[in-house]
C-alpha cells in the first residue's frame, strides 16, 4: 500500500490549500503566524514533507477562510 503522503489525492489536497493561501495573498510566513507555528511547518506541508492530521487540516482551512468539506470533496 502506498503511503498516503505520496498519493496523488493527497497532493491534490495540498495543492488546493496552497492555491487558497495564494488567492488570499498570504505568504507562508503570514499563514504560519496565524497558525502560531514556525514558517517551516507551512513549507513542509506544502512541499509534502509533512502530513497533516485532521485537526491541523481544519485549523488550516479556518485560517484560509475556506470550508474543509470543499477540500475533502477533492479526495473523491
Protein backbone atom coordinates (compact mmCIF):
# COMPACT_ATOMS: atom_id res chain seq x y z
CA UNK A 1 0.00 0.00 0.00
CA UNK A 2 1.30 3.42 -0.98
CA UNK A 3 1.90 5.87 1.86
CA UNK A 4 -0.85 8.50 1.79
CA UNK A 5 1.61 11.38 1.87
CA UNK A 6 2.81 10.29 -1.59
CA UNK A 7 -0.62 9.68 -3.09
CA UNK A 8 -1.99 11.79 -5.91
CA UNK A 9 -5.15 12.53 -3.92
CA UNK A 10 -3.12 13.95 -1.01
CA UNK A 11 -1.10 16.01 -3.48
CA UNK A 12 -4.37 17.38 -4.92
CA UNK A 13 -5.49 18.43 -1.44
CA UNK A 14 -2.21 20.15 -0.61
CA UNK A 15 -2.11 21.96 -3.95
CA UNK A 16 -5.65 23.18 -3.30
CA UNK A 17 -4.62 24.52 0.12
CA UNK A 18 -1.63 26.27 -1.41
CA UNK A 19 -3.86 27.82 -4.09
CA UNK A 20 -6.23 29.03 -1.37
CA UNK A 21 -3.33 30.61 0.52
CA UNK A 22 -2.03 32.32 -2.59
CA UNK A 23 -5.53 33.50 -3.57
CA UNK A 24 -5.82 35.22 -0.18
CA UNK A 25 -2.47 36.89 -0.85
CA UNK A 26 -0.84 35.29 2.20
CA UNK A 27 2.80 34.34 2.37
CA UNK A 28 3.84 31.16 4.14
CA UNK A 29 5.17 33.31 6.99
CA UNK A 30 1.88 35.18 7.36
CA UNK A 31 -0.10 31.94 7.41
CA UNK A 32 2.34 30.47 9.93
CA UNK A 33 1.78 33.47 12.21
CA UNK A 34 -1.98 32.90 12.08
CA UNK A 35 -1.49 29.21 12.86
CA UNK A 36 1.08 30.01 15.56
CA UNK A 37 3.63 27.65 14.04
CA UNK A 38 7.06 28.10 12.51
CA UNK A 39 7.01 29.14 8.85
CA UNK A 40 9.00 26.00 8.08
CA UNK A 41 5.95 23.97 9.19
CA UNK A 42 3.87 25.52 6.39
CA UNK A 43 6.69 24.93 3.92
CA UNK A 44 6.99 21.27 4.89
CA UNK A 45 3.25 20.78 4.49
CA UNK A 46 3.19 22.48 1.08
CA UNK A 47 6.24 20.52 -0.09
CA UNK A 48 4.57 17.32 1.16
CA UNK A 49 7.38 16.56 3.58
CA UNK A 50 4.92 16.58 6.47
CA UNK A 51 1.44 15.07 6.53
CA UNK A 52 -1.47 16.99 8.03
CA UNK A 53 -3.69 15.37 10.61
CA UNK A 54 -7.42 16.13 10.54
CA UNK A 55 -7.24 18.78 13.28
CA UNK A 56 -4.37 20.60 11.57
CA UNK A 57 -6.27 20.45 8.28
CA UNK A 58 -9.39 22.02 9.80
CA UNK A 59 -7.35 24.74 11.54
CA UNK A 60 -5.54 25.50 8.29
CA UNK A 61 -8.86 25.80 6.47
CA UNK A 62 -10.16 28.14 9.18
CA UNK A 63 -7.14 30.42 8.75
CA UNK A 64 -7.65 30.39 4.99
CA UNK A 65 -11.39 31.02 5.44
CA UNK A 66 -12.36 28.00 3.35
CA UNK A 67 -14.77 25.20 4.11
CA UNK A 68 -12.85 21.99 4.93
CA UNK A 69 -15.55 19.98 3.14
CA UNK A 70 -14.52 21.58 -0.17
CA UNK A 71 -11.06 20.10 0.11
CA UNK A 72 -12.38 16.72 1.18
CA UNK A 73 -14.57 16.60 -1.94
CA UNK A 74 -11.38 16.82 -3.99
CA UNK A 75 -10.32 13.48 -2.48
CA UNK A 76 -13.27 11.62 -4.01
